[in-house]
Amino acid sequence: MVTSPTSSTRRSPWTDRPLLTLALLGGLLAVLTVLAVSLGPVPVPLSQLARFLLGEEIPRSSWNILRHVRLPRAAAAVLTGAALAVSGAVLQAVLQNPLAGPNIIGVNAGSGFFVLMAALLFPGRWDVTPLAAFLGALLACAIIYALAARTGASRITIVLAGVAVSGFFGAGSDTITVLAPDAWTGASAFLVGGFSGVTGGQISFALWYVLGGLLLALLLSHDLNVLALGEETAQSLGLPVKACRLLFLAVAAVLAGGAVSMGGLLGFAGLIVPHAARFLLGEDNRLLIPAAALLGGSFVAGCDLLSRLIFAPYELPVGILLNFIGGPFFLWLLLTERRRRR
């Protein structure tokens, strides 16, 4: 099993049972998805959910809730969580930095800025949103990669550079919302992150980006393992390192862009989940990628469910809850990395 230079050698008992672990993660995702669809300010009994899925008749009010609110929301949460988690896992491997994540190094911010620009330039055109999100994420990835490649920047320096990139793109987003507040009426909710207004149209446009990115990450996971061995070793094994890094950054950007186009600027899922998946299944990306996808979907769907239930009938945007969870985790990870370098 490949060991990344940024990883811990600690092993989990689940590492020796990878198929069982993946099956359990799949079961967890299924359970949380069902709960996310069923529970809320107006609960829908599981019997009605089963009849709805079978195409049988149920009360009109329950049908409307399931069809137009709960199912799109649950689907968006699962897809967004999977996309962010795998994007984070890829970025951590490519940059060889356990502190990397789509929101930490400015990928989400770049994606969000381009989405707001698209809303300003092409009002009402949801079909351009995923493309704009991808381009913004790709630009942020390219900036961070160029810095790491040209300066040999340390892990902490890359994170600080990501903060600067996030600040720059965030300032651009704020400028648009201040100077053109009517460009997008949902801009404030988008900047916080959440799924309260997600529609089937948004999901259908982003779906192919996310599924394509997940499939590419899985198919290329062996090359990601080789890349994690270090540049010289990877080149000696015949891997075109520069081309592969650019390709993986593009995959990470596709995934982050698809996630942003559905859930807005959600933070920390792309940082927390890869570490949890790595603890369960180790560093082999052939296992880590599917585990991160399943665990990421479960994590974001579960957090979205909690955000609806904690203060019911009021709703806390899931982006706020993720920041409450992710902030302390990032500080702990930062302190852990500092101790390792001593």
Protein backbone atom coordinates (compact mmCIF):
# COMPACT_ATOMS: atom_id res chain seq x y z
CA MET A 1 0.00 0.00 0.00
CA VAL A 2 1.37 3.39 -0.99
CA THR A 3 2.39 5.74 1.79
CA SER A 4 2.25 9.46 1.17
CA PRO A 5 4.99 11.67 2.53
CA THR A 6 2.29 13.68 4.28
CA SER A 7 0.59 10.75 5.95
CA SER A 8 0.65 9.19 9.34
CA THR A 9 1.74 5.57 9.75
CA ARG A 10 -1.07 4.87 12.19
CA ARG A 11 -3.31 2.02 11.05
CA SER A 12 -7.00 1.54 11.66
CA PRO A 13 -8.54 -1.91 12.20
CA TRP A 14 -10.78 -1.09 9.25
CA THR A 15 -7.78 -0.90 6.91
CA ASP A 16 -7.51 -4.69 6.76
CA ARG A 17 -11.18 -5.04 5.73
CA PRO A 18 -11.50 -2.57 2.85
CA LEU A 19 -14.52 -4.11 1.14
CA LEU A 20 -16.42 -4.36 4.42
CA THR A 21 -15.52 -0.77 5.24
CA LEU A 22 -16.70 0.48 1.84
CA ALA A 23 -19.93 -1.51 2.21
CA LEU A 24 -20.57 0.01 5.64
CA LEU A 25 -19.88 3.50 4.30
CA GLY A 26 -22.34 2.83 1.49
CA GLY A 27 -24.93 1.70 4.04
CA LEU A 28 -24.33 4.82 6.11
CA LEU A 29 -24.84 6.98 3.05
CA ALA A 30 -28.10 5.19 2.20
CA VAL A 31 -29.46 5.57 5.75
CA LEU A 32 -28.58 9.26 5.99
CA THR A 33 -30.04 9.94 2.56
CA VAL A 34 -33.34 8.33 3.53
CA LEU A 35 -33.40 10.30 6.79
CA ALA A 36 -32.59 13.53 4.94
CA VAL A 37 -35.53 12.93 2.61
CA SER A 38 -37.94 11.87 5.34
CA LEU A 39 -37.17 14.26 8.21
CA GLY A 40 -37.66 17.99 8.41
CA PRO A 41 -40.04 20.64 9.75
CA VAL A 42 -42.80 18.58 8.11
CA PRO A 43 -41.86 14.89 8.47
CA VAL A 44 -42.80 12.48 5.71
CA PRO A 45 -43.43 8.91 6.98
CA LEU A 46 -41.15 6.26 5.55
CA SER A 47 -44.20 4.37 4.30
CA GLN A 48 -45.17 7.35 2.15
CA LEU A 49 -41.59 7.69 0.92
CA ALA A 50 -41.57 4.03 -0.12
CA ARG A 51 -44.89 4.42 -1.92
CA PHE A 52 -43.63 7.56 -3.66
CA LEU A 53 -40.53 5.74 -4.91
CA LEU A 54 -42.72 2.88 -6.17
CA GLY A 55 -44.90 5.35 -8.06
CA GLU A 56 -47.95 4.79 -5.87
CA GLU A 57 -50.36 7.50 -4.78
CA ILE A 58 -49.62 9.50 -1.62
CA PRO A 59 -51.11 12.73 -0.17
CA ARG A 60 -50.49 15.69 -2.44
CA SER A 61 -48.71 17.70 0.24
CA SER A 62 -46.21 14.88 0.85
CA TRP A 63 -45.73 14.40 -2.89
CA ASN A 64 -44.88 18.09 -3.35
CA ILE A 65 -42.45 18.06 -0.43
CA LEU A 66 -40.64 14.99 -1.71
CA ARG A 67 -40.60 15.91 -5.37
CA HIS A 68 -39.76 19.59 -5.20
CA VAL A 69 -37.88 20.01 -1.90
CA ARG A 70 -36.47 16.95 -0.16
CA LEU A 71 -35.25 14.79 -3.06
CA PRO A 72 -33.42 17.60 -4.91
CA ARG A 73 -31.94 18.80 -1.64
CA ALA A 74 -30.74 15.36 -0.57
CA ALA A 75 -29.31 14.64 -4.02
CA ALA A 76 -27.47 17.96 -4.06
CA ALA A 77 -26.05 17.39 -0.56
CA VAL A 78 -24.78 13.90 -1.43
CA LEU A 79 -23.25 14.97 -4.75
CA THR A 80 -21.70 18.09 -3.24
CA GLY A 81 -20.21 16.19 -0.31
CA ALA A 82 -18.75 13.50 -2.56
CA ALA A 83 -17.32 16.08 -4.96
CA LEU A 84 -15.71 18.22 -2.25
CA ALA A 85 -14.25 15.20 -0.43
CA VAL A 86 -12.66 13.70 -3.54
CA SER A 87 -11.46 17.12 -4.68
CA GLY A 88 -9.77 17.56 -1.30
CA ALA A 89 -8.20 14.10 -1.43
CA VAL A 90 -6.78 14.79 -4.90
CA LEU A 91 -5.44 18.21 -3.90
CA GLN A 92 -3.77 16.80 -0.79
CA ALA A 93 -2.05 14.13 -2.88
CA VAL A 94 -0.99 16.42 -5.74
CA LEU A 95 0.32 19.20 -3.49
CA GLN A 96 1.58 16.65 -0.94
CA ASN A 97 -0.01 18.81 1.73
CA PRO A 98 -2.48 17.46 4.31
CA LEU A 99 -3.71 21.01 4.93
CA ALA A 100 -4.93 21.42 1.36
CA GLY A 101 -8.65 21.58 0.68
CA PRO A 102 -10.89 23.34 -1.85
CA ASN A 103 -11.85 26.07 0.60
CA ILE A 104 -8.48 26.35 2.35
CA ILE A 105 -6.37 27.12 -0.73
CA GLY A 106 -8.91 29.36 -2.46
CA VAL A 107 -10.46 26.93 -4.95
CA ASN A 108 -14.00 27.48 -3.67
CA ALA A 109 -13.51 31.24 -3.57
CA GLY A 110 -12.30 31.32 -7.17
CA SER A 111 -15.22 29.18 -8.23
CA GLY A 112 -17.69 31.38 -6.36
CA PHE A 113 -16.32 34.57 -7.92
CA PHE A 114 -16.71 33.19 -11.43
CA VAL A 115 -20.25 32.02 -10.65
CA LEU A 116 -21.20 35.54 -9.54
CA MET A 117 -19.53 36.96 -12.64
CA ALA A 118 -21.58 34.57 -14.78
CA ALA A 119 -24.75 35.65 -12.98
CA LEU A 120 -23.86 39.28 -13.70
CA LEU A 121 -22.95 38.77 -17.35
CA PHE A 122 -25.49 36.06 -18.24
CA PRO A 123 -28.56 36.62 -16.03
CA GLY A 124 -30.90 33.65 -15.79
CA ARG A 125 -28.49 31.29 -17.58
CA TRP A 126 -28.04 28.41 -15.13
CA ASP A 127 -26.44 26.33 -17.87
CA VAL A 128 -23.27 28.42 -17.70
CA THR A 129 -22.95 28.19 -13.92
CA PRO A 130 -21.08 24.82 -13.72
CA LEU A 131 -18.68 25.91 -16.47
CA ALA A 132 -18.01 29.22 -14.74
CA ALA A 133 -17.49 27.43 -11.43
CA PHE A 134 -15.01 25.04 -13.06
CA LEU A 135 -13.02 27.85 -14.68
CA GLY A 136 -12.76 29.76 -11.41
CA ALA A 137 -11.69 26.65 -9.51
CA LEU A 138 -9.13 25.81 -12.21
CA LEU A 139 -7.64 29.30 -12.08
CA ALA A 140 -7.25 29.10 -8.29
CA CYS A 141 -5.66 25.63 -8.59
CA ALA A 142 -3.26 26.90 -11.23
CA ILE A 143 -2.16 29.83 -9.05
CA ILE A 144 -1.44 27.61 -6.06
CA TYR A 145 0.31 24.98 -8.17
CA ALA A 146 2.47 27.62 -9.88
CA LEU A 147 3.50 28.97 -6.48
CA ALA A 148 4.35 25.49 -5.17
CA ALA A 149 6.27 24.56 -8.32
CA ARG A 150 8.26 27.77 -8.72
CA THR A 151 9.18 28.54 -5.12
CA GLY A 152 9.23 25.10 -3.49
CA ALA A 153 6.92 26.61 -0.91
CA SER A 154 6.43 24.87 2.40
CA ARG A 155 3.06 23.47 3.46
CA ILE A 156 2.29 26.43 5.67
CA THR A 157 3.31 28.88 2.93
CA ILE A 158 0.93 27.22 0.49
CA VAL A 159 -1.90 27.55 3.02
CA LEU A 160 -1.07 31.22 3.57
CA ALA A 161 -0.99 31.73 -0.19
CA GLY A 162 -4.40 30.06 -0.34
CA VAL A 163 -5.68 32.52 2.24
CA ALA A 164 -4.45 35.36 0.04
CA VAL A 165 -6.09 33.82 -3.05
CA SER A 166 -9.33 33.35 -1.11
CA GLY A 167 -9.19 36.96 0.05
CA PHE A 168 -8.65 38.23 -3.48
CA PHE A 169 -11.50 36.25 -5.02
CA GLY A 170 -13.69 36.94 -1.98
CA ALA A 171 -13.14 40.66 -2.47
CA GLY A 172 -14.22 40.27 -6.09
CA SER A 173 -17.39 38.46 -5.01
CA ASP A 174 -18.16 41.13 -2.42
CA THR A 175 -17.64 43.83 -5.02
CA ILE A 176 -20.22 42.23 -7.29
CA THR A 177 -22.79 41.81 -4.50
CA VAL A 178 -22.32 45.44 -3.38
CA LEU A 179 -22.25 47.15 -6.78
CA ALA A 180 -24.78 44.88 -8.49
CA PRO A 181 -27.02 43.50 -5.73
CA ASP A 182 -29.73 42.56 -8.25
CA ALA A 183 -27.38 40.41 -10.33
CA TRP A 184 -28.40 37.42 -8.25
CA THR A 185 -31.03 37.60 -5.55
CA GLY A 186 -29.67 34.47 -3.87
CA ALA A 187 -26.05 35.68 -3.69
CA SER A 188 -25.96 35.99 0.12
CA ALA A 189 -27.17 32.41 0.60
CA PHE A 190 -24.70 31.25 -2.03
CA LEU A 191 -21.78 32.88 -0.21
CA VAL A 192 -22.75 31.22 3.08
CA GLY A 193 -23.42 27.83 1.46
CA GLY A 194 -26.53 25.69 1.64
CA PHE A 195 -29.17 23.76 -0.26
CA SER A 196 -32.41 25.50 0.71
CA GLY A 197 -33.08 26.82 -2.78
CA VAL A 198 -31.50 24.11 -4.91
CA THR A 199 -33.48 23.03 -7.95
CA GLY A 200 -33.55 20.02 -10.21
CA GLY A 201 -32.19 22.18 -13.01
CA GLN A 202 -29.07 23.08 -11.04
CA ILE A 203 -28.48 19.42 -10.21
CA SER A 204 -28.94 18.24 -13.79
CA PHE A 205 -26.37 20.76 -15.06
CA ALA A 206 -23.80 19.95 -12.37
CA LEU A 207 -24.42 16.19 -12.31
CA TRP A 208 -22.26 15.35 -15.31
CA TYR A 209 -19.38 17.48 -14.05
CA VAL A 210 -19.42 15.71 -10.68
CA LEU A 211 -19.89 12.19 -12.02
CA GLY A 212 -17.22 12.73 -14.67
CA GLY A 213 -14.78 14.08 -12.10
CA LEU A 214 -15.45 11.20 -9.69
CA LEU A 215 -14.99 8.64 -12.46
CA LEU A 216 -11.72 10.21 -13.64
CA ALA A 217 -10.37 10.37 -10.08
CA LEU A 218 -11.19 6.70 -9.59
CA LEU A 219 -9.76 5.56 -12.93
CA LEU A 220 -6.54 7.53 -12.37
CA SER A 221 -6.15 6.61 -8.70
CA HIS A 222 -3.19 4.32 -9.47
CA ASP A 223 -1.31 7.22 -11.09
CA LEU A 224 -2.14 9.31 -8.04
CA ASN A 225 -0.49 6.62 -5.90
CA VAL A 226 2.64 6.79 -8.06
CA LEU A 227 2.65 10.60 -7.89
CA ALA A 228 2.51 10.41 -4.09
CA LEU A 229 5.86 8.58 -4.08
CA GLY A 230 7.62 11.80 -5.02
CA GLU A 231 8.58 13.46 -8.30
CA GLU A 232 11.86 11.65 -8.89
CA THR A 233 10.44 8.20 -8.13
CA ALA A 234 7.36 8.84 -10.26
CA GLN A 235 9.51 9.93 -13.21
CA SER A 236 11.73 6.88 -12.86
CA LEU A 237 8.59 4.73 -13.12
CA GLY A 238 7.68 6.42 -16.39
CA LEU A 239 4.93 8.74 -15.13
CA PRO A 240 4.72 12.12 -16.91
CA VAL A 241 4.66 14.08 -13.65
CA LYS A 242 3.83 17.57 -14.89
CA ALA A 243 1.05 16.39 -17.19
CA CYS A 244 -0.42 14.20 -14.46
CA ARG A 245 -0.37 17.00 -11.93
CA LEU A 246 -2.14 19.35 -14.30
CA LEU A 247 -4.69 16.66 -15.09
CA PHE A 248 -5.39 15.98 -11.41
CA LEU A 249 -5.71 19.70 -10.69
CA ALA A 250 -8.25 19.89 -13.50
CA VAL A 251 -10.16 16.96 -11.97
CA ALA A 252 -10.13 18.67 -8.56
CA ALA A 253 -11.35 21.88 -10.19
CA VAL A 254 -14.18 20.09 -12.01
CA LEU A 255 -15.35 18.52 -8.75
CA ALA A 256 -15.07 21.71 -6.72
CA GLY A 257 -16.82 23.69 -9.45
CA GLY A 258 -19.69 21.23 -9.65
CA ALA A 259 -20.07 21.31 -5.86
CA VAL A 260 -20.05 25.12 -5.71
CA SER A 261 -22.66 25.40 -8.46
CA MET A 262 -25.08 23.37 -6.29
CA GLY A 263 -24.22 24.17 -2.68
CA GLY A 264 -22.44 27.51 -2.79
CA LEU A 265 -19.24 28.19 -0.87
CA LEU A 266 -19.34 25.30 1.57
CA GLY A 267 -16.19 24.99 3.62
CA PHE A 268 -14.10 22.28 5.25
CA ALA A 269 -15.85 19.16 3.90
CA GLY A 270 -12.98 18.81 1.43
CA LEU A 271 -10.48 19.00 4.28
CA ILE A 272 -12.10 16.89 7.01
CA VAL A 273 -13.44 13.95 5.01
CA PRO A 274 -10.20 12.87 3.23
CA HIS A 275 -8.48 12.62 6.62
CA ALA A 276 -11.31 10.51 8.02
CA ALA A 277 -11.26 8.26 4.93
CA ARG A 278 -7.47 7.99 5.16
CA PHE A 279 -7.73 6.94 8.81
CA LEU A 280 -10.20 4.18 7.88
CA LEU A 281 -8.55 2.81 4.73
CA GLY A 282 -5.01 4.12 4.59
CA GLU A 283 -3.21 5.93 1.78
CA ASP A 284 -4.03 3.75 -1.22
CA ASN A 285 -6.02 6.10 -3.45
CA ARG A 286 -7.74 3.17 -5.15
CA LEU A 287 -9.59 2.76 -1.84
CA LEU A 288 -9.34 6.30 -0.55
CA ILE A 289 -11.19 7.89 -3.49
CA PRO A 290 -14.39 5.78 -3.23
CA ALA A 291 -14.27 5.97 0.58
CA ALA A 292 -13.97 9.76 0.45
CA ALA A 293 -16.90 9.97 -1.99
CA LEU A 294 -19.17 7.84 0.21
CA LEU A 295 -18.10 9.47 3.45
CA GLY A 296 -18.29 12.97 1.96
CA GLY A 297 -21.85 12.41 0.76
CA SER A 298 -22.80 11.08 4.19
CA PHE A 299 -21.10 13.93 6.03
CA VAL A 300 -22.69 16.78 4.09
CA ALA A 301 -26.12 15.10 3.96
CA GLY A 302 -25.96 14.49 7.72
CA CYS A 303 -24.88 18.07 8.43
CA ASP A 304 -27.65 19.40 6.19
CA LEU A 305 -30.16 17.27 8.08
CA LEU A 306 -28.88 18.59 11.42
CA SER A 307 -29.04 22.16 10.17
CA ARG A 308 -32.75 21.69 9.49
CA LEU A 309 -33.56 19.99 12.79
CA ILE A 310 -31.47 21.84 15.42
CA PHE A 311 -33.57 25.02 15.41
CA ALA A 312 -36.70 23.69 13.68
CA PRO A 313 -38.89 25.18 12.32
CA TYR A 314 -36.06 27.64 11.61
CA GLU A 315 -33.17 26.54 9.46
CA LEU A 316 -29.46 27.11 9.98
CA PRO A 317 -27.55 27.23 6.66
CA VAL A 318 -25.40 24.13 6.47
CA GLY A 319 -22.37 26.24 5.55
CA ILE A 320 -22.41 27.75 9.04
CA LEU A 321 -22.56 24.33 10.68
CA LEU A 322 -19.66 23.07 8.55
CA ASN A 323 -17.58 26.07 9.58
CA PHE A 324 -18.32 25.40 13.25
CA ILE A 325 -17.10 21.83 12.79
CA GLY A 326 -14.24 22.51 10.39
CA GLY A 327 -12.64 25.49 12.11
CA PRO A 328 -11.48 23.60 15.23
CA PHE A 329 -10.45 20.62 13.08
CA PHE A 330 -8.26 22.82 10.88
CA LEU A 331 -6.60 24.39 13.93
CA TRP A 332 -5.93 20.93 15.38
CA LEU A 333 -4.48 19.77 12.05
CA LEU A 334 -2.33 22.89 11.83
CA LEU A 335 -0.90 22.31 15.31
CA THR A 336 -0.33 18.62 14.54
CA GLU A 337 1.63 19.45 11.39
CA ARG A 338 3.72 21.99 13.30
CA ARG A 339 4.66 19.37 15.91
CA ARG A 340 5.61 16.87 13.17
CA ARG A 341 8.06 19.32 11.60
CA ARG A 342 9.93 19.88 14.88
